[in-house]
Structure formats: C-alpha cells, structure tokens
PDB file of N, CA and C in Angstrom:
ATOM      1  N   MET A   1       0.871  -1.565  -0.338  1.00  0.00           N
ATOM      2  CA  MET A   1      -0.033   0.024  -0.210  1.00  0.00           C
ATOM      3  C   MET A   1       0.865   1.397  -0.073  1.00  0.00           C
ATOM      4  N   ARG A   2       0.898   2.852  -1.402  1.00  0.00           N
ATOM      5  CA  ARG A   2       1.026   3.447  -0.894  1.00  0.00           C
ATOM      6  C   ARG A   2       0.783   4.286  -0.286  1.00  0.00           C
ATOM      7  N   GLU A   3       1.649   4.675   1.186  1.00  0.00           N
ATOM      8  CA  GLU A   3       0.688   5.623   1.845  1.00  0.00           C
ATOM      9  C   GLU A   3       1.416   7.277   1.803  1.00  0.00           C
ATOM     10  N   GLY A   4       2.374   7.372   1.489  1.00  0.00           N
ATOM     11  CA  GLY A   4       2.688   8.929   1.048  1.00  0.00           C
ATOM     12  C   GLY A   4       3.760   8.934  -0.170  1.00  0.00           C
ATOM     13  N   THR A   5       3.913   9.492  -1.219  1.00  0.00           N
ATOM     14  CA  THR A   5       4.726   9.534  -2.415  1.00  0.00           C
ATOM     15  C   THR A   5       5.252  11.088  -2.845  1.00  0.00           C
ATOM     16  N   SER A   6       6.357  10.776  -3.620  1.00  0.00           N
ATOM     17  CA  SER A   6       7.051  12.019  -3.994  1.00  0.00           C
ATOM     18  C   SER A   6       6.803  12.668  -5.252  1.00  0.00           C
ATOM     19  N   GLY A   7       5.011  11.926  -5.695  1.00  0.00           N
ATOM     20  CA  GLY A   7       4.988  12.130  -6.959  1.00  0.00           C
ATOM     21  C   GLY A   7       5.862  11.332  -8.012  1.00  0.00           C
ATOM     22  N   PHE A   8       6.112  11.969  -8.845  1.00  0.00           N
ATOM     23  CA  PHE A   8       7.294  10.628  -9.806  1.00  0.00           C
ATOM     24  C   PHE A   8       7.959  11.729 -10.680  1.00  0.00           C
ATOM     25  N   TRP A   9       8.537  11.633 -11.759  1.00  0.00           N
ATOM     26  CA  TRP A   9       9.900  12.243 -12.036  1.00  0.00           C
ATOM     27  C   TRP A   9      10.479  11.859 -13.176  1.00  0.00           C
ATOM     28  N   VAL A  10      10.834  12.509 -14.363  1.00  0.00           N
ATOM     29  CA  VAL A  10      11.383  12.255 -15.406  1.00  0.00           C
ATOM     30  C   VAL A  10      12.295  12.896 -16.363  1.00  0.00           C
ATOM     31  N   THR A  11      13.019  11.795 -16.892  1.00  0.00           N
ATOM     32  CA  THR A  11      14.430  12.374 -16.971  1.00  0.00           C
ATOM     33  C   THR A  11      14.378  11.832 -18.605  1.00  0.00           C
ATOM     34  N   LYS A  12      14.931  12.563 -19.637  1.00  0.00           N
ATOM     35  CA  LYS A  12      15.573  12.344 -20.942  1.00  0.00           C
ATOM     36  C   LYS A  12      17.406  12.756 -20.961  1.00  0.00           C
ATOM     37  N   LYS A  13      17.646  11.524 -21.154  1.00  0.00           N
ATOM     38  CA  LYS A  13      18.985  11.756 -21.857  1.00  0.00           C
ATOM     39  C   LYS A  13      19.230  11.144 -23.230  1.00  0.00           C
ATOM     40  N   ARG A  14      19.776  11.536 -23.841  1.00  0.00           N
ATOM     41  CA  ARG A  14      20.482  11.094 -25.209  1.00  0.00           C
ATOM     42  C   ARG A  14      19.336   9.748 -25.849  1.00  0.00           C
ATOM     43  N   GLY A  15      18.414  10.719 -25.893  1.00  0.00           N
ATOM     44  CA  GLY A  15      17.246   9.975 -26.770  1.00  0.00           C
ATOM     45  C   GLY A  15      15.887   9.071 -25.580  1.00  0.00           C
ATOM     46  N   ALA A  16      17.069   8.501 -24.873  1.00  0.00           N
ATOM     47  CA  ALA A  16      16.311   7.184 -23.119  1.00  0.00           C
ATOM     48  C   ALA A  16      15.394   8.259 -22.760  1.00  0.00           C
ATOM     49  N   ILE A  17      14.239   7.335 -21.507  1.00  0.00           N
ATOM     50  CA  ILE A  17      13.599   8.509 -20.668  1.00  0.00           C
ATOM     51  C   ILE A  17      13.460   6.931 -19.711  1.00  0.00           C
ATOM     52  N   SER A  18      13.898   8.042 -18.090  1.00  0.00           N
ATOM     53  CA  SER A  18      13.605   7.395 -17.058  1.00  0.00           C
ATOM     54  C   SER A  18      12.354   7.586 -16.502  1.00  0.00           C
ATOM     55  N   ILE A  19      11.992   6.547 -15.729  1.00  0.00           N
ATOM     56  CA  ILE A  19      10.636   7.105 -14.924  1.00  0.00           C
ATOM     57  C   ILE A  19      10.478   6.778 -13.732  1.00  0.00           C
ATOM     58  N   GLY A  20      10.269   7.942 -13.061  1.00  0.00           N
ATOM     59  CA  GLY A  20      10.422   6.944 -11.272  1.00  0.00           C
ATOM     60  C   GLY A  20       9.549   7.747 -10.398  1.00  0.00           C
ATOM     61  N   TYR A  21       9.412   6.845  -9.003  1.00  0.00           N
ATOM     62  CA  TYR A  21       8.813   8.151  -7.825  1.00  0.00           C
ATOM     63  C   TYR A  21       9.362   7.287  -6.693  1.00  0.00           C
ATOM     64  N   GLU A  22       9.355   8.123  -5.495  1.00  0.00           N
ATOM     65  CA  GLU A  22       9.486   7.399  -4.268  1.00  0.00           C
ATOM     66  C   GLU A  22       7.935   7.222  -3.432  1.00  0.00           C
ATOM     67  N   ASP A  23       8.012   6.434  -2.311  1.00  0.00           N
ATOM     68  CA  ASP A  23       6.948   6.384  -1.767  1.00  0.00           C
ATOM     69  C   ASP A  23       7.414   5.864  -0.356  1.00  0.00           C
ATOM     70  N   TYR A  24       7.263   7.106   0.138  1.00  0.00           N
ATOM     71  CA  TYR A  24       7.482   6.941   1.824  1.00  0.00           C
ATOM     72  C   TYR A  24       6.424   6.257   2.726  1.00  0.00           C
ATOM     73  N   GLY A  25       6.993   5.593   4.518  1.00  0.00           N
ATOM     74  CA  GLY A  25       6.239   4.708   5.137  1.00  0.00           C
ATOM     75  C   GLY A  25       4.929   3.998   4.507  1.00  0.00           C
ATOM     76  N   VAL A  26       6.143   3.023   3.894  1.00  0.00           N
ATOM     77  CA  VAL A  26       4.838   1.882   3.112  1.00  0.00           C
ATOM     78  C   VAL A  26       4.738   0.316   3.846  1.00  0.00           C
ATOM     79  N   SER A  27       3.806   0.593   4.518  1.00  0.00           N
ATOM     80  CA  SER A  27       3.054  -0.627   5.196  1.00  0.00           C
ATOM     81  C   SER A  27       3.843  -1.653   4.823  1.00  0.00           C
ATOM     82  N   GLU A  28       4.041  -2.139   3.880  1.00  0.00           N
ATOM     83  CA  GLU A  28       4.959  -3.491   3.392  1.00  0.00           C
ATOM     84  C   GLU A  28       6.191  -4.252   3.604  1.00  0.00           C
ATOM     85  N   PHE A  29       6.718  -2.351   4.127  1.00  0.00           N
ATOM     86  CA  PHE A  29       8.387  -2.088   3.960  1.00  0.00           C
ATOM     87  C   PHE A  29       8.625  -2.128   4.940  1.00  0.00           C
ATOM     88  N   GLY A  30       7.403  -2.733   6.358  1.00  0.00           N
ATOM     89  CA  GLY A  30       7.635  -1.988   8.027  1.00  0.00           C
ATOM     90  C   GLY A  30       7.421  -0.209   8.244  1.00  0.00           C
ATOM     91  N   GLY A  31       6.769   0.160   6.928  1.00  0.00           N
ATOM     92  CA  GLY A  31       7.366   1.514   7.070  1.00  0.00           C
ATOM     93  C   GLY A  31       8.336   2.281   6.523  1.00  0.00           C
ATOM     94  N   GLY A  32       8.725   1.690   5.777  1.00  0.00           N
ATOM     95  CA  GLY A  32       9.995   2.209   5.207  1.00  0.00           C
ATOM     96  C   GLY A  32       9.810   2.830   3.854  1.00  0.00           C
ATOM     97  N   ASP A  33      11.063   3.417   3.529  1.00  0.00           N
ATOM     98  CA  ASP A  33      10.931   3.986   1.567  1.00  0.00           C
ATOM     99  C   ASP A  33      10.669   2.918   0.347  1.00  0.00           C
ATOM    100  N   PHE A  34      10.429   2.734  -0.591  1.00  0.00           N
ATOM    101  CA  PHE A  34      10.560   2.275  -1.861  1.00  0.00           C
ATOM    102  C   PHE A  34      10.677   3.830  -3.170  1.00  0.00           C
ATOM    103  N   GLU A  35      11.418   2.966  -3.804  1.00  0.00           N
ATOM    104  CA  GLU A  35      11.480   3.612  -5.201  1.00  0.00           C
ATOM    105  C   GLU A  35      11.827   3.025  -6.143  1.00  0.00           C
ATOM    106  N   LYS A  36      11.224   3.307  -7.098  1.00  0.00           N
ATOM    107  CA  LYS A  36      10.967   2.531  -8.543  1.00  0.00           C
ATOM    108  C   LYS A  36      11.450   3.282  -9.537  1.00  0.00           C
ATOM    109  N   THR A  37      11.965   2.598 -10.433  1.00  0.00           N
ATOM    110  CA  THR A  37      12.521   3.975 -11.552  1.00  0.00           C
ATOM    111  C   THR A  37      12.091   2.973 -12.608  1.00  0.00           C
ATOM    112  N   TYR A  38      12.276   3.384 -14.084  1.00  0.00           N
ATOM    113  CA  TYR A  38      11.549   2.175 -15.149  1.00  0.00           C
ATOM    114  C   TYR A  38      12.625   3.263 -15.604  1.00  0.00           C
ATOM    115  N   TYR A  39      12.811   2.603 -17.253  1.00  0.00           N
ATOM    116  CA  TYR A  39      14.663   2.842 -17.835  1.00  0.00           C
ATOM    117  C   TYR A  39      13.503   2.412 -19.141  1.00  0.00           C
ATOM    118  N   LEU A  40      13.357   3.122 -20.428  1.00  0.00           N
ATOM    119  CA  LEU A  40      13.130   2.929 -21.873  1.00  0.00           C
ATOM    120  C   LEU A  40      14.158   3.256 -23.038  1.00  0.00           C
ATOM    121  N   ASP A  41      15.097   2.481 -23.630  1.00  0.00           N
ATOM    122  CA  ASP A  41      16.051   3.270 -24.126  1.00  0.00           C
ATOM    123  C   ASP A  41      15.333   4.232 -25.161  1.00  0.00           C
ATOM    124  N   LYS A  42      16.288   4.562 -25.409  1.00  0.00           N
ATOM    125  CA  LYS A  42      15.763   5.523 -27.516  1.00  0.00           C
ATOM    126  C   LYS A  42      14.690   4.800 -28.477  1.00  0.00           C
ATOM    127  N   GLU A  43      14.974   3.707 -28.920  1.00  0.00           N
ATOM    128  CA  GLU A  43      14.040   3.415 -29.663  1.00  0.00           C
ATOM    129  C   GLU A  43      12.582   3.143 -28.579  1.00  0.00           C
ATOM    130  N   ASN A  44      12.429   2.004 -27.879  1.00  0.00           N
ATOM    131  CA  ASN A  44      11.711   2.543 -26.816  1.00  0.00           C
ATOM    132  C   ASN A  44      10.734   4.018 -26.473  1.00  0.00           C
ATOM    133  N   ALA A  45      11.467   4.600 -26.493  1.00  0.00           N
ATOM    134  CA  ALA A  45      11.110   5.957 -25.502  1.00  0.00           C
ATOM    135  C   ALA A  45      10.559   6.588 -26.860  1.00  0.00           C
ATOM    136  N   LYS A  46      10.810   6.452 -28.168  1.00  0.00           N
ATOM    137  CA  LYS A  46      10.079   7.197 -29.343  1.00  0.00           C
ATOM    138  C   LYS A  46       8.976   6.522 -29.280  1.00  0.00           C
ATOM    139  N   LYS A  47       8.606   5.142 -28.900  1.00  0.00           N
ATOM    140  CA  LYS A  47       7.096   4.961 -29.298  1.00  0.00           C
ATOM    141  C   LYS A  47       6.307   4.977 -28.062  1.00  0.00           C
ATOM    142  N   PHE A  48       7.247   4.969 -27.218  1.00  0.00           N
ATOM    143  CA  PHE A  48       6.372   5.795 -25.816  1.00  0.00           C
ATOM    144  C   PHE A  48       5.523   7.164 -26.115  1.00  0.00           C
ATOM    145  N   VAL A  49       7.085   7.706 -26.550  1.00  0.00           N
ATOM    146  CA  VAL A  49       6.225   9.060 -26.595  1.00  0.00           C
ATOM    147  C   VAL A  49       5.165   9.769 -27.721  1.00  0.00           C
ATOM    148  N   ARG A  50       5.005   8.583 -29.136  1.00  0.00           N
ATOM    149  CA  ARG A  50       4.367   8.706 -29.685  1.00  0.00           C
ATOM    150  C   ARG A  50       2.967   7.867 -30.132  1.00  0.00           C
ATOM    151  N   ALA A  51       3.015   6.737 -28.897  1.00  0.00           N
ATOM    152  CA  ALA A  51       2.011   6.611 -28.122  1.00  0.00           C
ATOM    153  C   ALA A  51       0.921   7.240 -27.249  1.00  0.00           C
ATOM    154  N   LEU A  52       1.658   7.851 -26.425  1.00  0.00           N
ATOM    155  CA  LEU A  52       0.854   9.046 -25.241  1.00  0.00           C
ATOM    156  C   LEU A  52       0.403  10.209 -26.528  1.00  0.00           C
ATOM    157  N   LYS A  53       1.005  10.535 -27.355  1.00  0.00           N
ATOM    158  CA  LYS A  53       0.926  11.994 -28.300  1.00  0.00           C
ATOM    159  C   LYS A  53      -0.907  11.209 -28.603  1.00  0.00           C
ATOM    160  N   LYS A  54      -0.941   9.774 -29.217  1.00  0.00           N
ATOM    161  CA  LYS A  54      -2.107   9.889 -29.580  1.00  0.00           C
ATOM    162  C   LYS A  54      -3.642  10.283 -29.134  1.00  0.00           C
ATOM    163  N   GLU A  55      -2.931  10.355 -27.900  1.00  0.00           N
ATOM    164  CA  GLU A  55      -3.949  10.100 -26.329  1.00  0.00           C
ATOM    165  C   GLU A  55      -4.264  11.921 -25.862  1.00  0.00           C
ATOM    166  N   TYR A  56      -3.126  12.283 -25.621  1.00  0.00           N
ATOM    167  CA  TYR A  56      -2.453  13.177 -24.822  1.00  0.00           C
ATOM    168  C   TYR A  56      -1.839  14.654 -25.446  1.00  0.00           C
ATOM    169  N   HIS A  57      -2.128  15.741 -24.609  1.00  0.00           N
ATOM    170  CA  HIS A  57      -1.324  16.680 -25.231  1.00  0.00           C
ATOM    171  C   HIS A  57      -0.738  17.403 -24.331  1.00  0.00           C
ATOM    172  N   GLY A  58       0.704  18.058 -24.408  1.00  0.00           N
ATOM    173  CA  GLY A  58       1.518  18.831 -23.752  1.00  0.00           C
ATOM    174  C   GLY A  58       3.001  18.609 -23.285  1.00  0.00           C
ATOM    175  N   SER A  59       3.799  18.668 -22.492  1.00  0.00           N
ATOM    176  CA  SER A  59       5.027  18.067 -22.167  1.00  0.00           C
ATOM    177  C   SER A  59       4.959  16.702 -21.811  1.00  0.00           C
ATOM    178  N   LEU A  60       6.095  15.917 -21.948  1.00  0.00           N
ATOM    179  CA  LEU A  60       6.246  14.557 -21.357  1.00  0.00           C
ATOM    180  C   LEU A  60       5.888  14.450 -20.011  1.00  0.00           C
ATOM    181  N   LYS A  61       5.843  15.507 -18.940  1.00  0.00           N
ATOM    182  CA  LYS A  61       5.641  15.251 -17.909  1.00  0.00           C
ATOM    183  C   LYS A  61       4.611  15.171 -17.643  1.00  0.00           C
ATOM    184  N   LYS A  62       3.394  16.152 -18.217  1.00  0.00           N
ATOM    185  CA  LYS A  62       2.032  16.430 -18.307  1.00  0.00           C
ATOM    186  C   LYS A  62       1.039  15.533 -18.955  1.00  0.00           C
ATOM    187  N   MET A  63       1.615  14.607 -20.073  1.00  0.00           N
ATOM    188  CA  MET A  63       1.277  13.485 -20.419  1.00  0.00           C
ATOM    189  C   MET A  63       1.148  12.822 -19.589  1.00  0.00           C
ATOM    190  N   ILE A  64       2.588  11.912 -19.326  1.00  0.00           N
ATOM    191  CA  ILE A  64       2.437  11.020 -18.370  1.00  0.00           C
ATOM    192  C   ILE A  64       1.773  10.953 -17.223  1.00  0.00           C
ATOM    193  N   ARG A  65       1.154  12.356 -16.762  1.00  0.00           N
ATOM    194  CA  ARG A  65       0.757  12.442 -15.616  1.00  0.00           C
ATOM    195  C   ARG A  65      -1.173  12.523 -15.860  1.00  0.00           C
ATOM    196  N   GLU A  66      -1.385  12.979 -16.841  1.00  0.00           N
ATOM    197  CA  GLU A  66      -2.332  12.646 -17.190  1.00  0.00           C
ATOM    198  C   GLU A  66      -3.107  10.900 -17.669  1.00  0.00           C
ATOM    199  N   ALA A  67      -1.789  10.228 -18.229  1.00  0.00           N
ATOM    200  CA  ALA A  67      -1.539   8.503 -18.448  1.00  0.00           C
ATOM    201  C   ALA A  67      -2.109   8.036 -17.060  1.00  0.00           C
ATOM    202  N   PHE A  68      -0.833   8.606 -16.422  1.00  0.00           N
ATOM    203  CA  PHE A  68      -0.672   7.387 -15.149  1.00  0.00           C
ATOM    204  C   PHE A  68      -0.880   7.645 -13.685  1.00  0.00           C
ATOM    205  N   GLY A  69      -1.984   9.205 -14.164  1.00  0.00           N
ATOM    206  CA  GLY A  69      -1.425   9.647 -12.257  1.00  0.00           C
ATOM    207  C   GLY A  69      -0.912  10.454 -12.034  1.00  0.00           C
ATOM    208  N   GLU A  70      -1.038  11.345 -10.849  1.00  0.00           N
ATOM    209  CA  GLU A  70      -0.290  12.501 -10.012  1.00  0.00           C
ATOM    210  C   GLU A  70       0.996  11.651  -9.273  1.00  0.00           C
ATOM    211  N   ASN A  71       0.378  10.219  -8.678  1.00  0.00           N
ATOM    212  CA  ASN A  71       0.848   9.533  -8.094  1.00  0.00           C
ATOM    213  C   ASN A  71       1.960   8.473  -8.423  1.00  0.00           C
ATOM    214  N   PHE A  72       1.447   7.874  -9.977  1.00  0.00           N
ATOM    215  CA  PHE A  72       2.128   7.142 -11.128  1.00  0.00           C
ATOM    216  C   PHE A  72       1.217   5.755 -10.843  1.00  0.00           C
ATOM    217  N   SER A  73       0.449   4.870 -11.548  1.00  0.00           N
ATOM    218  CA  SER A  73      -0.206   3.566 -11.451  1.00  0.00           C
ATOM    219  C   SER A  73       1.069   2.931 -12.347  1.00  0.00           C
ATOM    220  N   ASP A  74       1.826   1.941 -11.682  1.00  0.00           N
ATOM    221  CA  ASP A  74       2.380   1.313 -12.183  1.00  0.00           C
ATOM    222  C   ASP A  74       1.535  -0.047 -13.028  1.00  0.00           C
ATOM    223  N   PRO A  75       0.081  -0.280 -12.377  1.00  0.00           N
ATOM    224  CA  PRO A  75      -0.340  -1.769 -13.482  1.00  0.00           C
ATOM    225  C   PRO A  75      -1.333  -1.145 -14.994  1.00  0.00           C
ATOM    226  N   ASP A  76      -1.444   0.602 -14.641  1.00  0.00           N
ATOM    227  CA  ASP A  76      -1.347   1.577 -15.816  1.00  0.00           C
ATOM    228  C   ASP A  76      -0.321   1.315 -16.788  1.00  0.00           C
ATOM    229  N   PHE A  77       0.959   1.622 -16.278  1.00  0.00           N
ATOM    230  CA  PHE A  77       2.363   1.810 -17.229  1.00  0.00           C
ATOM    231  C   PHE A  77       2.281   0.274 -17.621  1.00  0.00           C
ATOM    232  N   TRP A  78       2.373  -0.150 -17.004  1.00  0.00           N
ATOM    233  CA  TRP A  78       2.657  -2.031 -17.344  1.00  0.00           C
ATOM    234  C   TRP A  78       1.600  -2.385 -18.594  1.00  0.00           C
ATOM    235  N   ASN A  79       0.654  -1.709 -18.503  1.00  0.00           N
ATOM    236  CA  ASN A  79      -0.651  -1.702 -19.592  1.00  0.00           C
ATOM    237  C   ASN A  79      -0.751  -1.217 -20.849  1.00  0.00           C
ATOM    238  N   PHE A  80      -0.299  -0.358 -20.650  1.00  0.00           N
ATOM    239  CA  PHE A  80       0.136   0.481 -22.135  1.00  0.00           C
ATOM    240  C   PHE A  80       0.879   0.327 -22.327  1.00  0.00           C
ATOM    241  N   CYS A  81       2.521   0.166 -21.591  1.00  0.00           N
ATOM    242  CA  CYS A  81       3.647  -0.633 -22.483  1.00  0.00           C
ATOM    243  C   CYS A  81       3.233  -1.826 -23.478  1.00  0.00           C
ATOM    244  N   LYS A  82       2.563  -3.225 -22.956  1.00  0.00           N
ATOM    245  CA  LYS A  82       1.907  -3.711 -23.081  1.00  0.00           C
ATOM    246  C   LYS A  82       1.199  -3.865 -24.483  1.00  0.00           C
ATOM    247  N   GLU A  83       0.299  -2.448 -24.575  1.00  0.00           N
ATOM    248  CA  GLU A  83       0.179  -2.714 -25.674  1.00  0.00           C
ATOM    249  C   GLU A  83      -0.140  -1.380 -26.525  1.00  0.00           C
ATOM    250  N   ASN A  84       0.914  -1.309 -26.716  1.00  0.00           N
ATOM    251  CA  ASN A  84       1.656  -0.512 -27.517  1.00  0.00           C
ATOM    252  C   ASN A  84       3.447  -1.006 -27.424  1.00  0.00           C
ATOM    253  N   GLY A  85       3.527  -2.417 -27.288  1.00  0.00           N
ATOM    254  CA  GLY A  85       4.512  -3.077 -28.248  1.00  0.00           C
ATOM    255  C   GLY A  85       5.859  -1.997 -27.179  1.00  0.00           C
ATOM    256  N   ILE A  86       5.905  -1.678 -26.287  1.00  0.00           N
ATOM    257  CA  ILE A  86       6.911  -1.288 -25.331  1.00  0.00           C
ATOM    258  C   ILE A  86       7.860  -2.011 -24.407  1.00  0.00           C
ATOM    259  N   THR A  87       9.179  -2.006 -24.486  1.00  0.00           N
ATOM    260  CA  THR A  87       9.497  -2.442 -23.046  1.00  0.00           C
ATOM    261  C   THR A  87      10.462  -1.789 -22.602  1.00  0.00           C
ATOM    262  N   TYR A  88      10.872  -2.247 -21.428  1.00  0.00           N
ATOM    263  CA  TYR A  88      11.576  -1.492 -20.106  1.00  0.00           C
ATOM    264  C   TYR A  88      12.085  -2.311 -19.399  1.00  0.00           C
ATOM    265  N   THR A  89      13.390  -1.878 -18.884  1.00  0.00           N
ATOM    266  CA  THR A  89      13.850  -2.410 -17.445  1.00  0.00           C
ATOM    267  C   THR A  89      13.706  -1.446 -16.716  1.00  0.00           C
ATOM    268  N   ASP A  90      13.365  -2.273 -15.468  1.00  0.00           N
ATOM    269  CA  ASP A  90      12.967  -1.489 -14.093  1.00  0.00           C
ATOM    270  C   ASP A  90      14.192  -1.632 -12.857  1.00  0.00           C
ATOM    271  N   SER A  91      14.235  -0.867 -12.187  1.00  0.00           N
ATOM    272  CA  SER A  91      14.955  -1.080 -10.912  1.00  0.00           C
ATOM    273  C   SER A  91      14.130  -0.655  -9.476  1.00  0.00           C
ATOM    274  N   THR A  92      14.278  -1.505  -8.339  1.00  0.00           N
ATOM    275  CA  THR A  92      13.302  -1.060  -7.137  1.00  0.00           C
ATOM    276  C   THR A  92      14.453  -0.893  -5.874  1.00  0.00           C
ATOM    277  N   TRP A  93      14.130  -0.209  -5.449  1.00  0.00           N
ATOM    278  CA  TRP A  93      15.062   0.167  -3.830  1.00  0.00           C
ATOM    279  C   TRP A  93      13.994   0.185  -2.645  1.00  0.00           C
ATOM    280  N   SER A  94      14.182  -0.252  -1.811  1.00  0.00           N
ATOM    281  CA  SER A  94      13.577  -0.205  -0.508  1.00  0.00           C
ATOM    282  C   SER A  94      14.769  -0.132   0.666  1.00  0.00           C
ATOM    283  N   GLY A  95      14.440   1.078   1.696  1.00  0.00           N
ATOM    284  CA  GLY A  95      14.568   0.944   2.965  1.00  0.00           C
ATOM    285  C   GLY A  95      14.357   1.606   4.165  1.00  0.00           C
TER     286      GLY A  95
END
C-alpha cells in the first residue's frame, strides 16, 4: 500500500527516458521507503512518446501525469507498454 508519495519524475538523456517515483512509509516495508525507476531505451522512448501523443497533449511530464496519474500507477504503465509493444527495464530500492 502506497502511504505517501513524492509524485514522479521524468528524465530524458540521449533519447532515452527514465520515469521514477518514491513512496514514503510503505506498510509492506515496515513503514520504510520504496523507490521505483523505469528505463526506456531510445527506440522504446520514441514509441512511448508517439503512443502518448495519440491520446494526450503537452509536455512529456504532463502527458505521463494524465496517462498514469499524479502518483504514477504501475499497472496502468505496464498495460500501456504492453498494448503499445514498448519494452523497458526497471529497478527498485527499499529502505
């Protein structure tokens, strides 16, 4: 259960995109913090942006917020990527 969240962040570097968020006080981690980051390489970043632009407008961060919510819904992101043939890697941290 996500107790508190930092919202999400987006970083673009050399055509690749990273999307991440940090949750605070997560009960599954004994009240600890949890961080998740998704990485899309250059090819998949292009597919991701193209797919977002079919339904949303504005900056990349605005389109992501509209598509996946202010607190970033992992299941919505996973489904969106699956439906659009987008692959990504991810990493997590908890403490």
